[in-house]
Amino acid sequence: MSKSITGIVSSKSSDKTIIVKIERRKTHPIYHKQYSESKKIMAHDEKNIALVGDKVEIEECRPLSKRKHFSLVKIIEKPDLRDDSLEVIKPQKIEPKEKKK
């Protein structure tokens, strides 16, 4: 059975390729503090349907290139594009200053 991993698309580097960022929470064996560890994995996206920010599931497959040995299975969740925390800054019209004579 092949390994499947869930992560977030961080980049669309080239045609039919996505870069998926996987984050894990670990506990230090001595200090018992939790810390996060991340890894970037290249995956094959045959139909170019995944976009940056999508939560996706990828599955291990045969080597497709030097660094690409995972393929996209499905898109689990799309990001909410109606984010109200972002402010839209409207461009202001700047008038030229008058020259003094």
PDB file of N, CA and C in Angstrom:
ATOM      1  N   MET A   1       0.850  -1.181   0.000  1.00  0.00           N
ATOM      2  CA  MET A   1       0.000   0.000   0.000  1.00  0.00           C
ATOM      3  C   MET A   1       0.892   1.239   0.000  1.00  0.00           C
ATOM      4  N   SER A   2       0.529   2.222  -0.804  1.00  0.00           N
ATOM      5  CA  SER A   2       1.354   3.411  -0.915  1.00  0.00           C
ATOM      6  C   SER A   2       1.002   4.426   0.176  1.00  0.00           C
ATOM      7  N   LYS A   3       1.991   5.234   0.532  1.00  0.00           N
ATOM      8  CA  LYS A   3       1.839   6.222   1.586  1.00  0.00           C
ATOM      9  C   LYS A   3       1.052   7.425   1.072  1.00  0.00           C
ATOM     10  N   SER A   4       0.084   7.913   1.856  1.00  0.00           N
ATOM     11  CA  SER A   4      -0.641   9.126   1.480  1.00  0.00           C
ATOM     12  C   SER A   4      -0.422  10.180   2.564  1.00  0.00           C
ATOM     13  N   ILE A   5      -0.275  11.423   2.134  1.00  0.00           N
ATOM     14  CA  ILE A   5       0.059  12.532   3.020  1.00  0.00           C
ATOM     15  C   ILE A   5      -0.886  13.691   2.717  1.00  0.00           C
ATOM     16  N   THR A   6      -1.243  14.446   3.751  1.00  0.00           N
ATOM     17  CA  THR A   6      -2.076  15.630   3.602  1.00  0.00           C
ATOM     18  C   THR A   6      -1.237  16.866   3.894  1.00  0.00           C
ATOM     19  N   GLY A   7      -1.366  17.883   3.034  1.00  0.00           N
ATOM     20  CA  GLY A   7      -0.610  19.110   3.225  1.00  0.00           C
ATOM     21  C   GLY A   7      -1.234  20.269   2.473  1.00  0.00           C
ATOM     22  N   ILE A   8      -0.555  21.408   2.490  1.00  0.00           N
ATOM     23  CA  ILE A   8      -1.052  22.623   1.847  1.00  0.00           C
ATOM     24  C   ILE A   8      -0.126  22.995   0.705  1.00  0.00           C
ATOM     25  N   VAL A   9      -0.715  23.335  -0.445  1.00  0.00           N
ATOM     26  CA  VAL A   9       0.072  23.708  -1.619  1.00  0.00           C
ATOM     27  C   VAL A   9       0.726  25.059  -1.343  1.00  0.00           C
ATOM     28  N   SER A  10       2.066  25.093  -1.416  1.00  0.00           N
ATOM     29  CA  SER A  10       2.781  26.337  -1.157  1.00  0.00           C
ATOM     30  C   SER A  10       3.255  27.002  -2.438  1.00  0.00           C
ATOM     31  N   SER A  11       3.344  26.235  -3.541  1.00  0.00           N
ATOM     32  CA  SER A  11       3.824  26.813  -4.786  1.00  0.00           C
ATOM     33  C   SER A  11       3.399  25.954  -5.966  1.00  0.00           C
ATOM     34  N   LYS A  12       3.223  26.627  -7.107  1.00  0.00           N
ATOM     35  CA  LYS A  12       3.022  25.933  -8.377  1.00  0.00           C
ATOM     36  C   LYS A  12       4.256  26.245  -9.206  1.00  0.00           C
ATOM     37  N   SER A  13       5.283  25.420  -9.055  1.00  0.00           N
ATOM     38  CA  SER A  13       6.582  25.763  -9.621  1.00  0.00           C
ATOM     39  C   SER A  13       6.619  25.712 -11.141  1.00  0.00           C
ATOM     40  N   SER A  14       6.057  24.696 -11.734  1.00  0.00           N
ATOM     41  CA  SER A  14       6.068  24.591 -13.188  1.00  0.00           C
ATOM     42  C   SER A  14       4.834  23.820 -13.643  1.00  0.00           C
ATOM     43  N   ASP A  15       4.779  23.518 -14.933  1.00  0.00           N
ATOM     44  CA  ASP A  15       3.627  22.827 -15.486  1.00  0.00           C
ATOM     45  C   ASP A  15       3.499  21.424 -14.892  1.00  0.00           C
ATOM     46  N   LYS A  16       2.310  21.090 -14.403  1.00  0.00           N
ATOM     47  CA  LYS A  16       1.975  19.786 -13.839  1.00  0.00           C
ATOM     48  C   LYS A  16       2.766  19.437 -12.580  1.00  0.00           C
ATOM     49  N   THR A  17       3.266  20.443 -11.865  1.00  0.00           N
ATOM     50  CA  THR A  17       4.008  20.208 -10.628  1.00  0.00           C
ATOM     51  C   THR A  17       3.532  21.179  -9.557  1.00  0.00           C
ATOM     52  N   ILE A  18       3.306  20.649  -8.343  1.00  0.00           N
ATOM     53  CA  ILE A  18       2.988  21.479  -7.189  1.00  0.00           C
ATOM     54  C   ILE A  18       3.965  21.150  -6.080  1.00  0.00           C
ATOM     55  N   ILE A  19       4.173  22.104  -5.177  1.00  0.00           N
ATOM     56  CA  ILE A  19       5.000  21.870  -4.003  1.00  0.00           C
ATOM     57  C   ILE A  19       4.086  21.919  -2.793  1.00  0.00           C
ATOM     58  N   VAL A  20       4.069  20.834  -2.032  1.00  0.00           N
ATOM     59  CA  VAL A  20       3.174  20.690  -0.890  1.00  0.00           C
ATOM     60  C   VAL A  20       3.991  20.793   0.391  1.00  0.00           C
ATOM     61  N   LYS A  21       3.527  21.634   1.322  1.00  0.00           N
ATOM     62  CA  LYS A  21       4.208  21.802   2.600  1.00  0.00           C
ATOM     63  C   LYS A  21       3.485  20.978   3.657  1.00  0.00           C
ATOM     64  N   ILE A  22       4.247  20.095   4.314  1.00  0.00           N
ATOM     65  CA  ILE A  22       3.703  19.238   5.360  1.00  0.00           C
ATOM     66  C   ILE A  22       4.264  19.717   6.692  1.00  0.00           C
ATOM     67  N   GLU A  23       3.379  20.003   7.656  1.00  0.00           N
ATOM     68  CA  GLU A  23       3.818  20.442   8.978  1.00  0.00           C
ATOM     69  C   GLU A  23       3.439  19.404  10.011  1.00  0.00           C
ATOM     70  N   ARG A  24       4.371  19.127  10.916  1.00  0.00           N
ATOM     71  CA  ARG A  24       4.149  18.157  11.991  1.00  0.00           C
ATOM     72  C   ARG A  24       4.495  18.789  13.325  1.00  0.00           C
ATOM     73  N   ARG A  25       3.770  18.420  14.371  1.00  0.00           N
ATOM     74  CA  ARG A  25       4.078  18.854  15.731  1.00  0.00           C
ATOM     75  C   ARG A  25       4.770  17.703  16.432  1.00  0.00           C
ATOM     76  N   LYS A  26       5.914  17.992  17.034  1.00  0.00           N
ATOM     77  CA  LYS A  26       6.676  16.972  17.743  1.00  0.00           C
ATOM     78  C   LYS A  26       6.968  17.441  19.161  1.00  0.00           C
ATOM     79  N   THR A  27       7.255  16.495  20.032  1.00  0.00           N
ATOM     80  CA  THR A  27       7.655  16.788  21.402  1.00  0.00           C
ATOM     81  C   THR A  27       9.113  16.403  21.584  1.00  0.00           C
ATOM     82  N   HIS A  28       9.891  17.308  22.158  1.00  0.00           N
ATOM     83  CA  HIS A  28      11.315  17.047  22.380  1.00  0.00           C
ATOM     84  C   HIS A  28      11.453  15.962  23.445  1.00  0.00           C
ATOM     85  N   PRO A  29      12.319  14.958  23.208  1.00  0.00           N
ATOM     86  CA  PRO A  29      12.401  13.833  24.144  1.00  0.00           C
ATOM     87  C   PRO A  29      12.948  14.194  25.528  1.00  0.00           C
ATOM     88  N   ILE A  30      13.780  15.210  25.629  1.00  0.00           N
ATOM     89  CA  ILE A  30      14.365  15.573  26.923  1.00  0.00           C
ATOM     90  C   ILE A  30      13.619  16.737  27.566  1.00  0.00           C
ATOM     91  N   TYR A  31      13.380  17.798  26.809  1.00  0.00           N
ATOM     92  CA  TYR A  31      12.800  19.021  27.372  1.00  0.00           C
ATOM     93  C   TYR A  31      11.274  19.020  27.371  1.00  0.00           C
ATOM     94  N   HIS A  32      10.639  18.077  26.687  1.00  0.00           N
ATOM     95  CA  HIS A  32       9.182  17.919  26.649  1.00  0.00           C
ATOM     96  C   HIS A  32       8.459  19.172  26.161  1.00  0.00           C
ATOM     97  N   LYS A  33       9.116  19.935  25.311  1.00  0.00           N
ATOM     98  CA  LYS A  33       8.493  21.094  24.670  1.00  0.00           C
ATOM     99  C   LYS A  33       8.029  20.680  23.288  1.00  0.00           C
ATOM    100  N   GLN A  34       6.933  21.257  22.837  1.00  0.00           N
ATOM    101  CA  GLN A  34       6.462  20.955  21.496  1.00  0.00           C
ATOM    102  C   GLN A  34       7.044  21.952  20.505  1.00  0.00           C
ATOM    103  N   TYR A  35       7.381  21.456  19.337  1.00  0.00           N
ATOM    104  CA  TYR A  35       7.895  22.299  18.269  1.00  0.00           C
ATOM    105  C   TYR A  35       7.340  21.787  16.945  1.00  0.00           C
ATOM    106  N   SER A  36       7.346  22.671  15.933  1.00  0.00           N
ATOM    107  CA  SER A  36       6.812  22.273  14.633  1.00  0.00           C
ATOM    108  C   SER A  36       7.951  22.007  13.669  1.00  0.00           C
ATOM    109  N   GLU A  37       7.720  21.050  12.793  1.00  0.00           N
ATOM    110  CA  GLU A  37       8.710  20.648  11.808  1.00  0.00           C
ATOM    111  C   GLU A  37       7.995  20.635  10.463  1.00  0.00           C
ATOM    112  N   SER A  38       8.630  21.224   9.437  1.00  0.00           N
ATOM    113  CA  SER A  38       7.973  21.263   8.132  1.00  0.00           C
ATOM    114  C   SER A  38       8.872  20.665   7.069  1.00  0.00           C
ATOM    115  N   LYS A  39       8.229  20.208   6.002  1.00  0.00           N
ATOM    116  CA  LYS A  39       8.932  19.576   4.894  1.00  0.00           C
ATOM    117  C   LYS A  39       8.193  19.922   3.614  1.00  0.00           C
ATOM    118  N   LYS A  40       8.952  20.164   2.523  1.00  0.00           N
ATOM    119  CA  LYS A  40       8.344  20.456   1.242  1.00  0.00           C
ATOM    120  C   LYS A  40       8.525  19.260   0.313  1.00  0.00           C
ATOM    121  N   ILE A  41       7.429  18.849  -0.318  1.00  0.00           N
ATOM    122  CA  ILE A  41       7.450  17.689  -1.207  1.00  0.00           C
ATOM    123  C   ILE A  41       6.896  18.103  -2.562  1.00  0.00           C
ATOM    124  N   MET A  42       7.581  17.699  -3.631  1.00  0.00           N
ATOM    125  CA  MET A  42       7.083  17.955  -4.980  1.00  0.00           C
ATOM    126  C   MET A  42       6.108  16.850  -5.365  1.00  0.00           C
ATOM    127  N   ALA A  43       5.005  17.230  -6.006  1.00  0.00           N
ATOM    128  CA  ALA A  43       3.986  16.259  -6.399  1.00  0.00           C
ATOM    129  C   ALA A  43       3.509  16.555  -7.818  1.00  0.00           C
ATOM    130  N   HIS A  44       3.048  15.513  -8.491  1.00  0.00           N
ATOM    131  CA  HIS A  44       2.573  15.613  -9.871  1.00  0.00           C
ATOM    132  C   HIS A  44       1.089  15.936  -9.875  1.00  0.00           C
ATOM    133  N   ASP A  45       0.718  17.004 -10.606  1.00  0.00           N
ATOM    134  CA  ASP A  45      -0.674  17.429 -10.758  1.00  0.00           C
ATOM    135  C   ASP A  45      -1.002  17.382 -12.249  1.00  0.00           C
ATOM    136  N   GLU A  46      -1.554  16.283 -12.699  1.00  0.00           N
ATOM    137  CA  GLU A  46      -1.760  16.028 -14.128  1.00  0.00           C
ATOM    138  C   GLU A  46      -2.635  17.078 -14.802  1.00  0.00           C
ATOM    139  N   LYS A  47      -3.706  17.521 -14.138  1.00  0.00           N
ATOM    140  CA  LYS A  47      -4.662  18.435 -14.774  1.00  0.00           C
ATOM    141  C   LYS A  47      -4.468  19.895 -14.382  1.00  0.00           C
ATOM    142  N   ASN A  48      -3.444  20.209 -13.600  1.00  0.00           N
ATOM    143  CA  ASN A  48      -3.168  21.581 -13.136  1.00  0.00           C
ATOM    144  C   ASN A  48      -4.384  22.199 -12.437  1.00  0.00           C
ATOM    145  N   ILE A  49      -4.999  21.458 -11.518  1.00  0.00           N
ATOM    146  CA  ILE A  49      -6.203  21.958 -10.854  1.00  0.00           C
ATOM    147  C   ILE A  49      -5.923  22.534  -9.467  1.00  0.00           C
ATOM    148  N   ALA A  50      -4.826  22.160  -8.839  1.00  0.00           N
ATOM    149  CA  ALA A  50      -4.515  22.645  -7.492  1.00  0.00           C
ATOM    150  C   ALA A  50      -3.921  24.044  -7.567  1.00  0.00           C
ATOM    151  N   LEU A  51      -4.351  24.899  -6.633  1.00  0.00           N
ATOM    152  CA  LEU A  51      -3.854  26.266  -6.544  1.00  0.00           C
ATOM    153  C   LEU A  51      -3.158  26.474  -5.211  1.00  0.00           C
ATOM    154  N   VAL A  52      -2.404  27.549  -5.104  1.00  0.00           N
ATOM    155  CA  VAL A  52      -1.690  27.855  -3.864  1.00  0.00           C
ATOM    156  C   VAL A  52      -2.696  28.081  -2.746  1.00  0.00           C
ATOM    157  N   GLY A  53      -2.485  27.423  -1.608  1.00  0.00           N
ATOM    158  CA  GLY A  53      -3.378  27.539  -0.458  1.00  0.00           C
ATOM    159  C   GLY A  53      -4.349  26.390  -0.312  1.00  0.00           C
ATOM    160  N   ASP A  54      -4.494  25.547  -1.321  1.00  0.00           N
ATOM    161  CA  ASP A  54      -5.408  24.402  -1.242  1.00  0.00           C
ATOM    162  C   ASP A  54      -4.851  23.340  -0.306  1.00  0.00           C
ATOM    163  N   LYS A  55      -5.747  22.709   0.437  1.00  0.00           N
ATOM    164  CA  LYS A  55      -5.364  21.562   1.254  1.00  0.00           C
ATOM    165  C   LYS A  55      -5.572  20.326   0.392  1.00  0.00           C
ATOM    166  N   VAL A  56      -4.502  19.537   0.180  1.00  0.00           N
ATOM    167  CA  VAL A  56      -4.559  18.419  -0.756  1.00  0.00           C
ATOM    168  C   VAL A  56      -4.071  17.130  -0.109  1.00  0.00           C
ATOM    169  N   GLU A  57      -4.461  16.029  -0.751  1.00  0.00           N
ATOM    170  CA  GLU A  57      -3.950  14.718  -0.361  1.00  0.00           C
ATOM    171  C   GLU A  57      -3.096  14.209  -1.520  1.00  0.00           C
ATOM    172  N   ILE A  58      -1.848  13.810  -1.199  1.00  0.00           N
ATOM    173  CA  ILE A  58      -0.949  13.280  -2.215  1.00  0.00           C
ATOM    174  C   ILE A  58      -0.589  11.849  -1.850  1.00  0.00           C
ATOM    175  N   GLU A  59      -0.243  11.072  -2.860  1.00  0.00           N
ATOM    176  CA  GLU A  59       0.037   9.655  -2.660  1.00  0.00           C
ATOM    177  C   GLU A  59       1.346   9.284  -3.341  1.00  0.00           C
ATOM    178  N   GLU A  60       2.092   8.406  -2.717  1.00  0.00           N
ATOM    179  CA  GLU A  60       3.369   7.964  -3.251  1.00  0.00           C
ATOM    180  C   GLU A  60       3.160   7.167  -4.545  1.00  0.00           C
ATOM    181  N   CYS A  61       4.048   7.376  -5.524  1.00  0.00           N
ATOM    182  CA  CYS A  61       3.965   6.664  -6.793  1.00  0.00           C
ATOM    183  C   CYS A  61       5.381   6.396  -7.299  1.00  0.00           C
ATOM    184  N   ARG A  62       5.479   5.889  -8.514  1.00  0.00           N
ATOM    185  CA  ARG A  62       6.794   5.622  -9.088  1.00  0.00           C
ATOM    186  C   ARG A  62       7.531   6.942  -9.302  1.00  0.00           C
ATOM    187  N   PRO A  63       8.848   6.941  -9.371  1.00  0.00           N
ATOM    188  CA  PRO A  63       9.573   8.193  -9.609  1.00  0.00           C
ATOM    189  C   PRO A  63       9.220   8.788 -10.973  1.00  0.00           C
ATOM    190  N   LEU A  64       8.768  10.040 -10.968  1.00  0.00           N
ATOM    191  CA  LEU A  64       8.410  10.732 -12.186  1.00  0.00           C
ATOM    192  C   LEU A  64       9.529  11.647 -12.665  1.00  0.00           C
ATOM    193  N   SER A  65      10.391  12.057 -11.773  1.00  0.00           N
ATOM    194  CA  SER A  65      11.571  12.843 -12.097  1.00  0.00           C
ATOM    195  C   SER A  65      12.560  12.674 -10.948  1.00  0.00           C
ATOM    196  N   LYS A  66      13.602  13.481 -10.934  1.00  0.00           N
ATOM    197  CA  LYS A  66      14.631  13.338  -9.909  1.00  0.00           C
ATOM    198  C   LYS A  66      14.077  13.536  -8.493  1.00  0.00           C
ATOM    199  N   ARG A  67      13.222  14.551  -8.298  1.00  0.00           N
ATOM    200  CA  ARG A  67      12.713  14.863  -6.966  1.00  0.00           C
ATOM    201  C   ARG A  67      11.215  14.630  -6.803  1.00  0.00           C
ATOM    202  N   LYS A  68      10.538  14.176  -7.843  1.00  0.00           N
ATOM    203  CA  LYS A  68       9.078  14.056  -7.806  1.00  0.00           C
ATOM    204  C   LYS A  68       8.661  12.593  -7.792  1.00  0.00           C
ATOM    205  N   HIS A  69       8.150  12.122  -6.635  1.00  0.00           N
ATOM    206  CA  HIS A  69       7.663  10.748  -6.539  1.00  0.00           C
ATOM    207  C   HIS A  69       6.350  10.660  -5.755  1.00  0.00           C
ATOM    208  N   PHE A  70       5.564  11.748  -5.825  1.00  0.00           N
ATOM    209  CA  PHE A  70       4.219  11.764  -5.275  1.00  0.00           C
ATOM    210  C   PHE A  70       3.280  12.303  -6.351  1.00  0.00           C
ATOM    211  N   SER A  71       2.005  11.929  -6.278  1.00  0.00           N
ATOM    212  CA  SER A  71       1.020  12.455  -7.217  1.00  0.00           C
ATOM    213  C   SER A  71      -0.225  12.906  -6.447  1.00  0.00           C
ATOM    214  N   LEU A  72      -0.931  13.874  -7.009  1.00  0.00           N
ATOM    215  CA  LEU A  72      -2.123  14.441  -6.392  1.00  0.00           C
ATOM    216  C   LEU A  72      -3.274  13.447  -6.474  1.00  0.00           C
ATOM    217  N   VAL A  73      -3.927  13.195  -5.336  1.00  0.00           N
ATOM    218  CA  VAL A  73      -5.085  12.304  -5.297  1.00  0.00           C
ATOM    219  C   VAL A  73      -6.371  13.120  -5.354  1.00  0.00           C
ATOM    220  N   LYS A  74      -6.497  14.097  -4.432  1.00  0.00           N
ATOM    221  CA  LYS A  74      -7.703  14.931  -4.413  1.00  0.00           C
ATOM    222  C   LYS A  74      -7.426  16.225  -3.654  1.00  0.00           C
ATOM    223  N   ILE A  75      -8.278  17.201  -3.927  1.00  0.00           N
ATOM    224  CA  ILE A  75      -8.235  18.468  -3.205  1.00  0.00           C
ATOM    225  C   ILE A  75      -9.258  18.358  -2.080  1.00  0.00           C
ATOM    226  N   ILE A  76      -8.788  18.497  -0.855  1.00  0.00           N
ATOM    227  CA  ILE A  76      -9.664  18.345   0.307  1.00  0.00           C
ATOM    228  C   ILE A  76     -10.435  19.630   0.586  1.00  0.00           C
ATOM    229  N   GLU A  77      -9.720  20.768   0.537  1.00  0.00           N
ATOM    230  CA  GLU A  77     -10.349  22.026   0.928  1.00  0.00           C
ATOM    231  C   GLU A  77      -9.733  23.184   0.147  1.00  0.00           C
ATOM    232  N   LYS A  78     -10.594  24.081  -0.320  1.00  0.00           N
ATOM    233  CA  LYS A  78     -10.139  25.300  -0.984  1.00  0.00           C
ATOM    234  C   LYS A  78     -10.102  26.418   0.055  1.00  0.00           C
ATOM    235  N   PRO A  79      -9.175  27.387  -0.077  1.00  0.00           N
ATOM    236  CA  PRO A  79      -9.140  28.478   0.900  1.00  0.00           C
ATOM    237  C   PRO A  79     -10.337  29.405   0.734  1.00  0.00           C
ATOM    238  N   ASP A  80     -10.743  30.042   1.837  1.00  0.00           N
ATOM    239  CA  ASP A  80     -11.865  30.990   1.806  1.00  0.00           C
ATOM    240  C   ASP A  80     -11.367  32.295   1.215  1.00  0.00           C
ATOM    241  N   LEU A  81     -11.915  32.680   0.071  1.00  0.00           N
ATOM    242  CA  LEU A  81     -11.467  33.885  -0.612  1.00  0.00           C
ATOM    243  C   LEU A  81     -12.142  35.144  -0.083  1.00  0.00           C
ATOM    244  N   ARG A  82     -13.109  34.983   0.801  1.00  0.00           N
ATOM    245  CA  ARG A  82     -13.818  36.136   1.356  1.00  0.00           C
ATOM    246  C   ARG A  82     -13.229  36.528   2.704  1.00  0.00           C
ATOM    247  N   ASP A  83     -11.929  36.646   2.786  1.00  0.00           N
ATOM    248  CA  ASP A  83     -11.251  36.978   4.035  1.00  0.00           C
ATOM    249  C   ASP A  83     -11.443  38.465   4.331  1.00  0.00           C
ATOM    250  N   ASP A  84     -12.143  38.791   5.436  1.00  0.00           N
ATOM    251  CA  ASP A  84     -12.436  40.176   5.777  1.00  0.00           C
ATOM    252  C   ASP A  84     -11.274  40.862   6.487  1.00  0.00           C
ATOM    253  N   SER A  85     -10.257  40.103   6.896  1.00  0.00           N
ATOM    254  CA  SER A  85      -9.140  40.702   7.613  1.00  0.00           C
ATOM    255  C   SER A  85      -8.215  41.484   6.680  1.00  0.00           C
ATOM    256  N   LEU A  86      -8.302  41.254   5.383  1.00  0.00           N
ATOM    257  CA  LEU A  86      -7.460  41.978   4.432  1.00  0.00           C
ATOM    258  C   LEU A  86      -8.135  43.288   4.051  1.00  0.00           C
ATOM    259  N   GLU A  87      -7.381  44.362   4.123  1.00  0.00           N
ATOM    260  CA  GLU A  87      -7.912  45.661   3.749  1.00  0.00           C
ATOM    261  C   GLU A  87      -7.508  45.980   2.321  1.00  0.00           C
ATOM    262  N   VAL A  88      -8.429  46.542   1.590  1.00  0.00           N
ATOM    263  CA  VAL A  88      -8.144  46.951   0.222  1.00  0.00           C
ATOM    264  C   VAL A  88      -7.782  48.429   0.257  1.00  0.00           C
ATOM    265  N   ILE A  89      -6.605  48.761  -0.210  1.00  0.00           N
ATOM    266  CA  ILE A  89      -6.155  50.146  -0.225  1.00  0.00           C
ATOM    267  C   ILE A  89      -6.447  50.724  -1.602  1.00  0.00           C
ATOM    268  N   LYS A  90      -7.243  51.768  -1.615  1.00  0.00           N
ATOM    269  CA  LYS A  90      -7.609  52.390  -2.884  1.00  0.00           C
ATOM    270  C   LYS A  90      -6.503  53.356  -3.306  1.00  0.00           C
ATOM    271  N   PRO A  91      -6.178  53.385  -4.584  1.00  0.00           N
ATOM    272  CA  PRO A  91      -5.146  54.323  -5.032  1.00  0.00           C
ATOM    273  C   PRO A  91      -5.628  55.766  -4.918  1.00  0.00           C
ATOM    274  N   GLN A  92      -4.721  56.630  -4.504  1.00  0.00           N
ATOM    275  CA  GLN A  92      -5.059  58.040  -4.356  1.00  0.00           C
ATOM    276  C   GLN A  92      -4.485  58.820  -5.534  1.00  0.00           C
ATOM    277  N   LYS A  93      -5.235  59.827  -5.929  1.00  0.00           N
ATOM    278  CA  LYS A  93      -4.775  60.658  -7.035  1.00  0.00           C
ATOM    279  C   LYS A  93      -3.801  61.696  -6.482  1.00  0.00           C
ATOM    280  N   ILE A  94      -2.620  61.749  -7.053  1.00  0.00           N
ATOM    281  CA  ILE A  94      -1.600  62.688  -6.617  1.00  0.00           C
ATOM    282  C   ILE A  94      -1.519  63.809  -7.637  1.00  0.00           C
ATOM    283  N   GLU A  95      -1.719  65.017  -7.140  1.00  0.00           N
ATOM    284  CA  GLU A  95      -1.671  66.176  -8.019  1.00  0.00           C
ATOM    285  C   GLU A  95      -0.262  66.753  -8.011  1.00  0.00           C
ATOM    286  N   PRO A  96       0.218  67.213  -9.163  1.00  0.00           N
ATOM    287  CA  PRO A  96       1.562  67.800  -9.206  1.00  0.00           C
ATOM    288  C   PRO A  96       1.598  69.132  -8.449  1.00  0.00           C
ATOM    289  N   LYS A  97       2.755  69.398  -7.830  1.00  0.00           N
ATOM    290  CA  LYS A  97       2.922  70.628  -7.075  1.00  0.00           C
ATOM    291  C   LYS A  97       3.132  71.788  -8.056  1.00  0.00           C
ATOM    292  N   GLU A  98       2.624  72.964  -7.662  1.00  0.00           N
ATOM    293  CA  GLU A  98       2.790  74.154  -8.494  1.00  0.00           C
ATOM    294  C   GLU A  98       4.183  74.718  -8.289  1.00  0.00           C
ATOM    295  N   LYS A  99       4.784  75.190  -9.353  1.00  0.00           N
ATOM    296  CA  LYS A  99       6.110  75.781  -9.274  1.00  0.00           C
ATOM    297  C   LYS A  99       5.994  77.234  -8.852  1.00  0.00           C
ATOM    298  N   LYS A 100       6.921  77.650  -7.988  1.00  0.00           N
ATOM    299  CA  LYS A 100       6.942  79.053  -7.559  1.00  0.00           C
ATOM    300  C   LYS A 100       7.745  79.863  -8.553  1.00  0.00           C
ATOM    301  N   LYS A 101       7.276  81.056  -8.854  1.00  0.00           N
ATOM    302  CA  LYS A 101       7.980  81.936  -9.785  1.00  0.00           C
ATOM    303  C   LYS A 101       8.716  83.022  -9.083  1.00  0.00           C
TER     304      LYS A 101
END
